[in-house]
């Protein structure tokens, strides 16, 4: 499989597949393709994995696209202004991504639910109790919102992140929550009550346009039904 990413800040990844090669994607992610790409919809791993994907913010079903009778082309576009990133997933190179961050991958990449070790991270942390984990082996594409800023964290080194800004992190990183100190800061600071704390070792990807921020900007323009 060969690919190219074009069109930032409204990017699309265009994949060239050899005969017999398969891509996996979430429902509704395909943008265009050649006629010889065969589509199959399945739970891709049974009801257990499908339920886990649902908990992490994705669809129960996934679509499989296979090139038949020769080379095939298929494209996947981002949902929001931002960037599409390609990751080489393998043993020791697993990735944890935000809800709905997975865009597409080679069929040898596995998408599963990722539970935080501490329950508090689930109810109050910036990215919630459940995220997505990419494992297996192969190329995976993720979509991030806005511009991406990257940090390398040493063992024990931490970064405090406001809600929704964590786009992805190496699976070697851990995540917890931290209460904003002081009642006045909580009530009047405008930053909420909790922050997310990411601790290394590992690489961290932060996005400048969280989905919650996008929703807040668009809300005044949405119909009210009156």
Foldseek 3Di string as FASTA:
>chain_A
DDWDWDDAQWIKIKDKDWAFWKKKFAPPFWDDKDPQWDKDKDQLPDQVQLVQLVVQATHSIMIMTGGHPTMMMIMGIDPAGHDKDKAFAEVQFKKWFARQFFGMWTSQKDKGKDAAPDQQCAPDEQRHGITIMIHGGGMTMTTAHAYKDKDAADAFRKDWAAHQFWGMKGPQKHKDKDFDPDPCCQPPVPRHGIIMMIGDRTMTITHDQGPVNVCVVCVVVDDPPD
